[in-house]
Amino acid sequence: MLDFNLNPLDEYRKKASFEWKKLKMLLHPEQYAKLQDVIMEKIYKYPEFRRGFCPESLDEKRRITQRQLNIIKESRILDREEILINLNKMPYLISMLTILAPDTCIKFNGSVDLFNNAILALGTEDQLHYVFDNKEGKINGTFCLTEIGHGTNTKGMQTTAVYDIENEEFVINSSCFEAAKCWAAGLSQTASHAIVFAQLIVKGEMKGLHGFIVPLRDPTSLIPYPGLTIGDMGEKTGLNGIDNGFLVFHNYRIPRKNLLSKTGGVTLKGDYITSFKDSKKKHGVSLGHLSIGRTYIVCTAAAYGIKALTIAVRYAAIRKQFGPNESEEVSIIEYQTHQHRLLPHLACAYAIRIFGDFILPSCCQFIFDSLFDSSDEHISERGMEIHSICCGAKPLASWSIRDVIQECREACGGHGYLKAAGIGDLRDNNDANCTFEGDNTVIIQQTSNWLLKFWPLVLKQSRISSPMSSVDFLTSATEILEYKWEIIDVEQLCSPNSKQLFTLSGTF
């Protein structure tokens, strides 16, 4: 008779050389672990967060996702004020929500965080009521930056906003089909307001990319306003609970007060004013604000990878194949080949998770600091640095986790290919991370370009520093390049004194 009370993982759990609770406390400080438990207890009271076994239709997936988002807003499950007091909580909550409801987590990011943060960072005090209304569910926000013809190249955006002095309004137009805003989460069916980035034109002069608060639909009926064409992007490979849409403007008018004017504004008489003398620094502050989406990707990618590895490692512990004789089989986790397949990826997931715990609060802190003085040169430099770090971290995280999930799928054999295993969904959901918020191959070059600016200083042997100290090591670049790798075994590599095992090669 089968013993269904027997847990096949118990054998390996007893063999552990460390206490798993201590490891959890290292990654999740006790206060955050308790916070996650409290939130999970609240969330599971709602049937919308309990996954069924039957496949849902596209409309049903979207209904459930929007309902989950409404529950989070209405019940204040994610207390934003509490998070603002302690920004270090943010990564833990994002990771938890990613595992529980990935579609809702992404939609929350676009419709709440990106929308609200853009107003907080780039807007004025008179525009704060949009933040409160969005948080309370009176309106639904979305974030419109990407266009059909332009995504990563933000300076090339073709949507225009021309200031009409006589009527004190901006006239927004999509100059062509390529200028249509697209992929915005919630835009297709549920968003009533959007942050739209367009090329500001004042008195015939182009003033660069600026953000605008744009009403899209009646908040009650959700009927689009005249002058807008709104459509659906269609079914996707994954994350189909999100109603991604496209938006075309036809001489659509909004009031002058709807311009997010912290980095640059327009007077009643049509004069453009800005506290920035250098347009690059103004763009740098804006880029820093937009980088928060990429920090979210680092955290969500890590969460996907951790879940896939949890499935694959547990499977490897209970799946047995071959053995020293025909009557005895061995768990596949005992084989070195299988360890080599999974354990490097496990280390990778830990590293990405730990980095996400650092970079997301850092990015949030930058946004809050810039609320007080966005024209400060130090703030501008921090914005450029955060942008450059995130342009490197987002591709590294999403590509690495892509490989992690694929290896986990293959390591689980045919069982990993089953829909019920969940790995296929993780792979499809993470696949979007490689594309949105900038194509990986392109945006990683922005990190390279930023680093190359320091190379003349390296050659001059000048001291190099940055607000977050991410490039301070370049001060010793020429010395570092002269070191030669002399470590020959794992024991030396793991030694705290491994640096002493390098020798000067004398060549570059």
Protein backbone atom coordinates (compact mmCIF):
# COMPACT_ATOMS: atom_id res chain seq x y z
CA MET A 1 0.00 0.00 0.00
CA LEU A 2 1.23 3.50 -0.87
CA ASP A 3 2.03 5.80 2.05
CA PHE A 4 0.80 9.25 0.97
CA ASN A 5 2.05 10.79 4.23
CA LEU A 6 5.64 10.06 3.28
CA ASN A 7 7.47 13.14 2.05
CA PRO A 8 10.25 12.03 -0.31
CA LEU A 9 12.11 15.30 0.29
CA ASP A 10 12.54 14.62 4.01
CA GLU A 11 15.63 12.52 3.41
CA TYR A 12 17.50 15.36 1.76
CA ARG A 13 16.21 17.99 4.13
CA LYS A 14 17.68 16.01 7.02
CA LYS A 15 21.04 15.89 5.24
CA ALA A 16 21.33 19.68 5.00
CA SER A 17 24.53 21.04 6.53
CA PHE A 18 22.85 24.35 7.41
CA GLU A 19 19.61 25.55 9.00
CA TRP A 20 17.23 26.64 6.27
CA LYS A 21 15.58 29.18 8.57
CA LYS A 22 18.90 30.97 9.07
CA LEU A 23 19.41 31.10 5.32
CA LYS A 24 15.91 32.52 4.88
CA MET A 25 16.56 35.16 7.51
CA LEU A 26 19.75 36.09 5.68
CA LEU A 27 17.84 36.68 2.45
CA HIS A 28 14.59 37.80 4.10
CA PRO A 29 15.18 39.72 7.34
CA GLU A 30 12.70 38.58 9.95
CA GLN A 31 10.55 41.70 9.73
CA TYR A 32 10.10 41.23 5.98
CA ALA A 33 9.44 37.51 6.26
CA LYS A 34 6.68 38.25 8.78
CA LEU A 35 5.31 40.98 6.50
CA GLN A 36 5.11 38.49 3.63
CA ASP A 37 3.25 36.03 5.84
CA VAL A 38 0.73 38.69 6.84
CA ILE A 39 0.14 39.74 3.24
CA MET A 40 -0.19 36.15 2.05
CA GLU A 41 -2.78 35.50 4.75
CA LYS A 42 -4.77 38.53 3.59
CA ILE A 43 -4.50 37.68 -0.10
CA TYR A 44 -5.66 34.08 0.20
CA LYS A 45 -8.95 35.25 1.66
CA TYR A 46 -9.89 36.25 -1.89
CA PRO A 47 -10.82 33.46 -4.33
CA GLU A 48 -9.35 35.48 -7.22
CA PHE A 49 -5.87 34.64 -5.93
CA ARG A 50 -6.47 30.89 -5.85
CA ARG A 51 -5.45 29.30 -9.10
CA GLY A 52 -7.81 26.81 -10.70
CA PHE A 53 -6.88 23.74 -12.69
CA CYS A 54 -8.93 24.58 -15.79
CA PRO A 55 -7.52 26.88 -18.50
CA GLU A 56 -9.16 30.32 -18.62
CA SER A 57 -10.19 32.28 -21.68
CA LEU A 58 -8.38 35.48 -22.57
CA ASP A 59 -11.25 37.60 -21.24
CA GLU A 60 -11.38 35.61 -18.01
CA LYS A 61 -7.63 36.01 -17.45
CA ARG A 62 -7.96 39.74 -17.88
CA ARG A 63 -11.00 39.92 -15.61
CA ILE A 64 -9.18 38.04 -12.85
CA THR A 65 -6.05 40.20 -13.21
CA GLN A 66 -8.03 43.44 -13.01
CA ARG A 67 -9.99 42.10 -10.05
CA GLN A 68 -6.73 41.18 -8.27
CA LEU A 69 -5.41 44.68 -8.95
CA ASN A 70 -8.60 46.24 -7.55
CA ILE A 71 -8.34 44.06 -4.45
CA ILE A 72 -4.76 45.22 -3.85
CA LYS A 73 -5.86 48.84 -4.16
CA GLU A 74 -9.08 48.58 -2.15
CA SER A 75 -7.77 46.44 0.70
CA ARG A 76 -4.43 48.27 0.90
CA ILE A 77 -2.66 44.90 0.97
CA LEU A 78 0.45 46.65 -0.29
CA ASP A 79 0.48 49.66 2.01
CA ARG A 80 2.37 52.26 -0.03
CA GLU A 81 2.88 54.62 2.92
CA GLU A 82 4.50 51.85 4.93
CA ILE A 83 6.75 51.00 1.99
CA LEU A 84 7.79 54.64 1.60
CA ILE A 85 8.95 54.66 5.21
CA ASN A 86 11.16 51.64 4.55
CA LEU A 87 12.05 51.26 0.87
CA ASN A 88 13.97 48.04 1.54
CA LYS A 89 10.61 46.26 1.81
CA MET A 90 9.84 46.86 -1.86
CA PRO A 91 11.88 44.00 -3.43
CA TYR A 92 10.43 41.43 -1.04
CA LEU A 93 6.88 42.46 -1.85
CA ILE A 94 7.53 42.52 -5.60
CA SER A 95 9.07 39.03 -5.46
CA MET A 96 6.12 37.72 -3.48
CA LEU A 97 3.54 39.19 -5.86
CA THR A 98 5.48 37.95 -8.89
CA ILE A 99 5.30 34.36 -7.65
CA LEU A 100 1.66 34.65 -6.65
CA ALA A 101 0.19 36.64 -9.57
CA PRO A 102 2.75 37.65 -12.22
CA ASP A 103 0.23 39.32 -14.54
CA THR A 104 -1.10 41.45 -11.71
CA CYS A 105 2.42 42.35 -10.57
CA ILE A 106 3.34 43.66 -14.04
CA LYS A 107 0.05 45.51 -14.39
CA PHE A 108 0.47 46.99 -10.91
CA ASN A 109 3.89 48.22 -11.96
CA GLY A 110 2.57 49.96 -15.07
CA SER A 111 -0.79 51.23 -13.88
CA VAL A 112 0.18 52.24 -10.34
CA ASP A 113 3.91 52.57 -9.76
CA LEU A 114 5.09 53.93 -13.12
CA PHE A 115 2.06 56.22 -13.42
CA ASN A 116 2.32 57.55 -9.86
CA ASN A 117 6.12 57.78 -9.79
CA ALA A 118 6.17 59.81 -13.00
CA ILE A 119 3.84 62.35 -11.43
CA LEU A 120 5.73 62.39 -8.14
CA ALA A 121 9.09 62.79 -9.84
CA LEU A 122 8.27 65.01 -12.81
CA GLY A 123 5.00 66.68 -11.84
CA THR A 124 3.85 69.49 -9.55
CA GLU A 125 1.95 69.64 -6.27
CA ASP A 126 -1.26 70.53 -8.13
CA GLN A 127 -1.09 67.17 -9.94
CA LEU A 128 -0.83 65.00 -6.82
CA HIS A 129 -4.59 64.39 -6.77
CA TYR A 130 -4.09 61.98 -9.70
CA VAL A 131 -1.78 59.90 -7.51
CA PHE A 132 -4.35 59.72 -4.70
CA ASP A 133 -7.21 58.99 -7.10
CA ASN A 134 -5.22 56.18 -8.73
CA LYS A 135 -4.27 54.68 -5.39
CA GLU A 136 -7.90 54.75 -4.22
CA GLY A 137 -9.22 53.21 -7.43
CA LYS A 138 -11.12 56.29 -8.65
CA ILE A 139 -9.04 56.21 -11.84
CA ASN A 140 -6.86 53.60 -13.53
CA GLY A 141 -3.48 54.71 -14.80
CA THR A 142 -1.12 53.50 -17.49
CA PHE A 143 2.30 54.52 -18.81
CA CYS A 144 2.73 55.29 -22.53
CA LEU A 145 6.31 55.68 -23.73
CA THR A 146 6.97 53.01 -26.39
CA GLU A 147 5.74 53.61 -29.94
CA ILE A 148 5.29 51.26 -32.88
CA GLY A 149 8.42 52.66 -34.51
CA HIS A 150 10.48 53.60 -31.44
CA GLY A 151 11.10 51.94 -28.10
CA THR A 152 14.64 52.00 -26.75
CA ASN A 153 15.50 55.18 -28.67
CA THR A 154 13.37 57.52 -26.56
CA LYS A 155 14.75 60.64 -28.25
CA GLY A 156 13.30 59.43 -31.54
CA MET A 157 9.69 59.34 -30.34
CA GLN A 158 7.33 60.83 -32.95
CA THR A 159 4.23 61.73 -30.92
CA THR A 160 4.03 65.54 -30.74
CA ALA A 161 2.46 67.96 -28.29
CA VAL A 162 2.17 71.48 -29.76
CA TYR A 163 1.30 74.33 -27.41
CA ASP A 164 -1.72 76.40 -28.50
CA ILE A 165 -1.18 79.82 -26.88
CA GLU A 166 -4.67 81.13 -27.66
CA ASN A 167 -6.49 78.25 -25.94
CA GLU A 168 -3.80 77.42 -23.36
CA GLU A 169 -3.82 73.80 -24.45
CA PHE A 170 -1.50 71.17 -25.87
CA VAL A 171 -2.56 69.55 -29.11
CA ILE A 172 -1.32 65.96 -29.22
CA ASN A 173 -0.91 64.14 -32.51
CA SER A 174 0.43 60.85 -33.77
CA SER A 175 2.30 62.01 -36.85
CA CYS A 176 2.05 58.58 -38.50
CA PHE A 177 1.26 54.95 -37.72
CA GLU A 178 4.77 54.47 -36.35
CA ALA A 179 4.01 57.17 -33.76
CA ALA A 180 1.16 55.13 -32.21
CA LYS A 181 1.79 54.42 -28.53
CA CYS A 182 1.76 50.69 -27.89
CA TRP A 183 2.20 47.89 -25.34
CA ALA A 184 1.02 50.02 -22.40
CA ALA A 185 -0.39 47.76 -19.67
CA GLY A 186 -4.12 48.34 -19.14
CA LEU A 187 -4.41 50.65 -22.14
CA SER A 188 -6.62 48.31 -24.17
CA GLN A 189 -9.60 48.09 -21.81
CA THR A 190 -9.16 49.46 -18.30
CA ALA A 191 -7.00 52.61 -18.19
CA SER A 192 -8.78 55.93 -17.75
CA HIS A 193 -5.63 58.10 -17.59
CA ALA A 194 -2.14 57.80 -19.03
CA ILE A 195 1.28 59.32 -18.64
CA VAL A 196 2.15 60.02 -22.28
CA PHE A 197 5.62 61.05 -23.41
CA ALA A 198 5.66 63.28 -26.47
CA GLN A 199 7.94 65.75 -28.22
CA LEU A 200 7.06 69.18 -26.84
CA ILE A 201 6.84 71.92 -29.47
CA VAL A 202 6.59 75.55 -28.34
CA LYS A 203 6.47 78.42 -30.86
CA GLY A 204 7.66 76.05 -33.55
CA GLU A 205 10.72 74.91 -31.57
CA MET A 206 11.28 71.30 -30.45
CA LYS A 207 11.96 71.17 -26.69
CA GLY A 208 12.50 67.43 -26.36
CA LEU A 209 10.57 64.59 -24.77
CA HIS A 210 8.18 65.58 -21.96
CA GLY A 211 5.51 63.77 -19.97
CA PHE A 212 1.82 64.67 -19.98
CA ILE A 213 -1.18 63.49 -17.94
CA VAL A 214 -3.73 62.48 -20.56
CA PRO A 215 -7.37 61.49 -19.84
CA LEU A 216 -8.29 58.53 -22.04
CA ARG A 217 -11.70 57.31 -20.94
CA ASP A 218 -14.57 58.21 -18.69
CA PRO A 219 -13.51 56.61 -15.37
CA THR A 220 -17.00 55.19 -14.81
CA SER A 221 -18.09 53.95 -18.24
CA LEU A 222 -14.55 53.45 -19.63
CA ILE A 223 -15.74 54.83 -22.98
CA PRO A 224 -12.79 56.46 -24.84
CA TYR A 225 -12.94 60.19 -25.47
CA PRO A 226 -13.24 61.61 -29.01
CA GLY A 227 -9.92 62.23 -30.73
CA LEU A 228 -8.42 58.92 -29.64
CA THR A 229 -8.16 55.55 -31.35
CA ILE A 230 -7.54 52.80 -28.79
CA GLY A 231 -7.08 49.15 -29.69
CA ASP A 232 -5.86 45.82 -28.33
CA MET A 233 -2.42 44.34 -29.05
CA GLY A 234 -3.89 40.84 -29.09
CA GLU A 235 -3.00 37.60 -27.37
CA LYS A 236 0.64 37.17 -26.37
CA THR A 237 2.98 34.28 -25.60
CA GLY A 238 2.54 34.92 -21.89
CA LEU A 239 1.15 37.41 -19.35
CA ASN A 240 -2.22 37.42 -21.08
CA GLY A 241 -3.96 38.77 -18.00
CA ILE A 242 -2.59 42.18 -19.01
CA ASP A 243 -4.65 44.10 -21.57
CA ASN A 244 -1.83 45.69 -23.56
CA GLY A 245 -3.08 48.23 -26.08
CA PHE A 246 -2.18 50.85 -28.67
CA LEU A 247 -3.17 54.51 -28.84
CA VAL A 248 -3.38 57.00 -31.74
CA PHE A 249 -3.97 60.74 -31.22
CA HIS A 250 -6.01 62.90 -33.64
CA ASN A 251 -5.61 66.59 -32.67
CA TYR A 252 -6.36 65.62 -29.08
CA ARG A 253 -6.36 68.56 -26.67
CA ILE A 254 -5.38 68.64 -23.00
CA PRO A 255 -5.00 71.63 -20.63
CA ARG A 256 -1.63 73.34 -20.14
CA LYS A 257 -1.66 72.25 -16.48
CA ASN A 258 -1.41 68.59 -17.55
CA LEU A 259 2.26 68.97 -18.51
CA LEU A 260 4.66 67.31 -16.06
CA SER A 261 6.73 70.44 -15.72
CA LYS A 262 9.40 69.79 -13.10
CA THR A 263 12.18 69.52 -15.70
CA GLY A 264 10.61 72.02 -18.10
CA GLY A 265 7.37 74.01 -18.31
CA VAL A 266 5.44 76.40 -20.54
CA THR A 267 4.07 79.78 -19.43
CA LEU A 268 0.66 81.15 -20.42
CA LYS A 269 2.37 83.26 -23.08
CA GLY A 270 4.05 80.22 -24.57
CA ASP A 271 7.56 80.69 -23.21
CA TYR A 272 9.49 77.54 -22.36
CA ILE A 273 11.22 77.62 -18.96
CA THR A 274 13.61 75.13 -17.39
CA SER A 275 16.13 75.18 -14.55
CA PHE A 276 18.50 73.01 -16.61
CA LYS A 277 21.15 74.74 -18.68
CA ASP A 278 22.33 71.44 -20.13
CA SER A 279 19.65 69.47 -21.99
CA LYS A 280 21.63 66.25 -21.46
CA LYS A 281 21.39 66.65 -17.69
CA LYS A 282 17.66 67.27 -17.97
CA HIS A 283 17.36 64.09 -20.01
CA GLY A 284 19.52 62.32 -17.41
CA VAL A 285 17.10 63.13 -14.59
CA SER A 286 14.20 61.84 -16.70
CA LEU A 287 16.11 58.66 -17.53
CA GLY A 288 16.74 58.02 -13.86
CA HIS A 289 13.02 58.20 -13.19
CA LEU A 290 12.25 55.81 -16.04
CA SER A 291 14.81 53.28 -14.78
CA ILE A 292 12.55 51.99 -12.03
CA GLY A 293 10.82 49.75 -14.54
CA ARG A 294 14.12 48.01 -15.25
CA THR A 295 14.79 47.51 -11.56
CA TYR A 296 11.40 45.81 -11.31
CA ILE A 297 12.50 43.46 -14.09
CA VAL A 298 15.62 42.48 -12.15
CA CYS A 299 13.44 41.55 -9.15
CA THR A 300 10.75 39.75 -11.15
CA ALA A 301 13.31 37.82 -13.19
CA ALA A 302 14.99 36.64 -9.99
CA ALA A 303 11.61 35.52 -8.64
CA TYR A 304 10.90 33.53 -11.82
CA GLY A 305 14.32 31.87 -11.61
CA ILE A 306 13.96 31.01 -7.93
CA LYS A 307 10.58 29.37 -8.55
CA ALA A 308 11.91 27.36 -11.51
CA LEU A 309 14.93 26.21 -9.50
CA THR A 310 12.76 25.25 -6.55
CA ILE A 311 10.74 22.99 -8.85
CA ALA A 312 13.81 21.53 -10.59
CA VAL A 313 15.90 20.91 -7.46
CA ARG A 314 13.03 19.25 -5.62
CA TYR A 315 12.31 17.11 -8.66
CA ALA A 316 15.98 16.09 -8.84
CA ALA A 317 15.88 14.97 -5.21
CA ILE A 318 12.94 12.61 -5.69
CA ARG A 319 13.49 11.43 -9.26
CA LYS A 320 15.68 8.32 -9.36
CA GLN A 321 17.56 6.92 -12.33
CA PHE A 322 20.16 4.16 -12.70
CA GLY A 323 22.35 3.07 -9.77
CA PRO A 324 25.22 0.81 -8.68
CA ASN A 325 23.08 -2.26 -9.40
CA GLU A 326 19.79 -3.18 -11.01
CA SER A 327 17.90 -3.22 -7.71
CA GLU A 328 18.99 0.21 -6.48
CA GLU A 329 18.47 3.55 -8.16
CA VAL A 330 19.99 6.90 -7.18
CA SER A 331 18.35 10.32 -7.06
CA ILE A 332 19.54 12.30 -10.07
CA ILE A 333 20.66 15.18 -7.85
CA GLU A 334 23.53 12.90 -6.75
CA TYR A 335 25.05 12.88 -10.21
CA GLN A 336 27.72 15.49 -10.93
CA THR A 337 26.35 16.14 -14.38
CA HIS A 338 22.99 17.12 -12.90
CA GLN A 339 24.63 19.24 -10.23
CA HIS A 340 26.60 21.03 -12.93
CA ARG A 341 23.32 21.71 -14.73
CA LEU A 342 21.52 23.31 -11.81
CA LEU A 343 23.88 24.57 -9.11
CA PRO A 344 25.59 27.33 -11.15
CA HIS A 345 22.13 28.62 -12.02
CA LEU A 346 21.18 28.47 -8.35
CA ALA A 347 24.16 30.68 -7.52
CA CYS A 348 23.15 33.02 -10.37
CA ALA A 349 19.62 33.38 -9.01
CA TYR A 350 20.95 34.21 -5.54
CA ALA A 351 23.22 36.90 -7.00
CA ILE A 352 20.46 38.51 -9.06
CA ARG A 353 18.07 38.42 -6.13
CA ILE A 354 20.57 40.09 -3.79
CA PHE A 355 21.38 42.76 -6.38
CA GLY A 356 17.66 43.43 -6.89
CA ASP A 357 17.27 43.93 -3.15
CA PHE A 358 19.84 46.71 -3.46
CA ILE A 359 19.04 48.46 -6.73
CA LEU A 360 15.25 48.81 -6.44
CA PRO A 361 15.32 50.76 -3.13
CA SER A 362 18.24 52.82 -4.51
CA CYS A 363 16.19 53.79 -7.55
CA CYS A 364 13.16 54.66 -5.41
CA GLN A 365 15.34 56.76 -3.12
CA PHE A 366 16.65 58.67 -6.14
CA ILE A 367 13.10 59.47 -7.24
CA PHE A 368 12.17 60.77 -3.79
CA ASP A 369 15.37 62.80 -3.48
CA SER A 370 14.74 64.40 -6.87
CA LEU A 371 11.33 65.60 -5.67
CA PHE A 372 13.06 68.28 -3.63
CA ASP A 373 15.64 69.54 -6.13
CA SER A 374 15.68 67.89 -9.55
CA SER A 375 18.02 70.56 -10.94
CA ASP A 376 20.84 69.66 -8.54
CA GLU A 377 23.86 68.50 -10.54
CA HIS A 378 24.47 65.64 -8.13
CA ILE A 379 20.90 64.41 -8.72
CA SER A 380 21.43 64.54 -12.48
CA GLU A 381 24.65 62.51 -12.19
CA ARG A 382 22.88 59.95 -10.01
CA GLY A 383 20.13 59.73 -12.59
CA MET A 384 22.62 58.94 -15.35
CA GLU A 385 24.40 56.40 -13.17
CA ILE A 386 21.21 54.61 -12.16
CA HIS A 387 20.14 54.58 -15.80
CA SER A 388 23.47 53.08 -16.86
CA ILE A 389 23.47 50.47 -14.09
CA CYS A 390 19.92 49.40 -14.90
CA CYS A 391 20.67 49.27 -18.64
CA GLY A 392 23.29 46.65 -17.82
CA ALA A 393 21.45 44.85 -15.02
CA LYS A 394 18.18 44.34 -16.86
CA PRO A 395 19.72 42.42 -19.80
CA LEU A 396 22.00 40.43 -17.49
CA ALA A 397 19.10 39.41 -15.25
CA SER A 398 16.57 38.60 -17.95
CA TRP A 399 19.02 36.71 -20.18
CA SER A 400 20.49 34.78 -17.25
CA ILE A 401 17.08 33.78 -15.90
CA ARG A 402 15.99 32.82 -19.42
CA ASP A 403 18.81 30.26 -19.40
CA VAL A 404 18.04 29.24 -15.82
CA ILE A 405 14.41 28.44 -16.62
CA GLN A 406 15.25 26.58 -19.83
CA GLU A 407 17.80 24.39 -18.03
CA CYS A 408 15.29 23.70 -15.27
CA ARG A 409 12.69 22.68 -17.85
CA GLU A 410 15.09 20.25 -19.51
CA ALA A 411 16.38 18.96 -16.16
CA CYS A 412 12.84 17.88 -15.29
CA GLY A 413 12.56 15.86 -18.48
CA GLY A 414 9.12 15.25 -19.92
CA HIS A 415 7.46 16.13 -16.64
CA GLY A 416 8.91 19.63 -16.93
CA TYR A 417 7.14 20.02 -20.27
CA LEU A 418 3.74 19.51 -18.67
CA LYS A 419 1.61 22.61 -18.24
CA ALA A 420 0.99 21.53 -14.65
CA ALA A 421 4.71 21.78 -13.86
CA GLY A 422 4.50 25.56 -14.27
CA ILE A 423 7.95 25.95 -15.81
CA GLY A 424 6.59 26.71 -19.27
CA ASP A 425 4.58 29.63 -17.90
CA LEU A 426 7.65 30.94 -16.09
CA ARG A 427 9.63 30.78 -19.33
CA ASP A 428 6.94 32.61 -21.31
CA ASN A 429 6.47 35.28 -18.64
CA ASN A 430 10.18 35.96 -18.28
CA ASP A 431 10.61 36.11 -22.05
CA ALA A 432 8.94 39.52 -22.02
CA ASN A 433 11.67 40.75 -19.66
CA CYS A 434 14.17 40.39 -22.51
CA THR A 435 12.20 42.91 -24.57
CA PHE A 436 10.16 45.42 -22.64
CA GLU A 437 11.78 48.44 -21.02
CA GLY A 438 14.30 48.31 -23.88
CA ASP A 439 15.74 45.62 -26.14
CA ASN A 440 18.56 43.91 -24.26
CA THR A 441 21.15 44.08 -27.03
CA VAL A 442 20.57 47.81 -27.49
CA ILE A 443 20.25 49.09 -23.93
CA ILE A 444 23.33 47.24 -22.69
CA GLN A 445 25.28 49.43 -25.13
CA GLN A 446 24.10 52.46 -23.18
CA THR A 447 25.96 51.06 -20.20
CA SER A 448 29.04 50.56 -22.38
CA ASN A 449 28.83 54.11 -23.74
CA TRP A 450 28.62 55.51 -20.22
CA LEU A 451 31.64 53.50 -19.09
CA LEU A 452 33.68 54.49 -22.16
CA LYS A 453 33.31 58.15 -21.19
CA PHE A 454 35.60 57.44 -18.25
CA TRP A 455 38.36 55.83 -20.33
CA PRO A 456 40.22 59.10 -21.11
CA LEU A 457 40.40 59.67 -17.35
CA VAL A 458 41.78 56.15 -16.89
CA LEU A 459 44.54 56.87 -19.40
CA LYS A 460 45.38 60.08 -17.54
CA GLN A 461 45.41 58.09 -14.29
CA SER A 462 42.89 60.54 -12.82
CA ARG A 463 40.74 59.72 -9.83
CA ILE A 464 37.32 58.46 -10.94
CA SER A 465 34.20 58.50 -8.80
CA SER A 466 30.44 58.52 -9.14
CA PRO A 467 27.55 59.21 -6.72
CA MET A 468 26.87 55.48 -6.18
CA SER A 469 30.56 54.49 -6.42
CA SER A 470 29.85 51.96 -9.18
CA VAL A 471 32.80 53.13 -11.30
CA ASP A 472 35.27 54.05 -8.56
CA PHE A 473 37.25 50.89 -9.31
CA LEU A 474 38.27 52.41 -12.66
CA THR A 475 40.71 54.63 -10.75
CA SER A 476 42.88 51.48 -10.51
CA ALA A 477 41.99 50.17 -13.97
CA THR A 478 45.53 50.09 -15.35
CA GLU A 479 46.76 48.27 -12.25
CA ILE A 480 43.88 45.78 -12.37
CA LEU A 481 44.60 44.98 -16.01
CA GLU A 482 48.15 44.00 -15.15
CA TYR A 483 47.06 41.21 -12.79
CA LYS A 484 47.19 37.66 -14.08
CA TRP A 485 44.94 34.80 -12.97
CA GLU A 486 46.96 32.24 -11.04
CA ILE A 487 44.28 30.39 -9.07
CA ILE A 488 44.37 26.70 -9.98
CA ASP A 489 41.76 25.00 -7.79
CA VAL A 490 38.46 25.55 -6.00
CA GLU A 491 40.06 25.76 -2.57
CA GLN A 492 42.18 28.73 -3.65
CA LEU A 493 39.22 30.38 -5.35
CA CYS A 494 37.12 30.19 -2.17
CA SER A 495 39.91 31.47 0.03
CA PRO A 496 39.43 34.97 1.52
CA ASN A 497 43.03 35.63 0.51
CA SER A 498 42.45 34.78 -3.15
CA LYS A 499 43.43 38.29 -4.22
CA GLN A 500 46.96 37.58 -3.05
CA LEU A 501 47.13 34.69 -5.53
CA PHE A 502 47.09 37.10 -8.46
CA THR A 503 50.45 38.05 -9.95
CA LEU A 504 51.45 40.97 -12.09
CA SER A 505 51.72 39.93 -15.72
CA GLY A 506 53.35 43.10 -16.92
CA THR A 507 51.14 43.15 -20.03
CA PHE A 508 47.64 44.25 -20.92
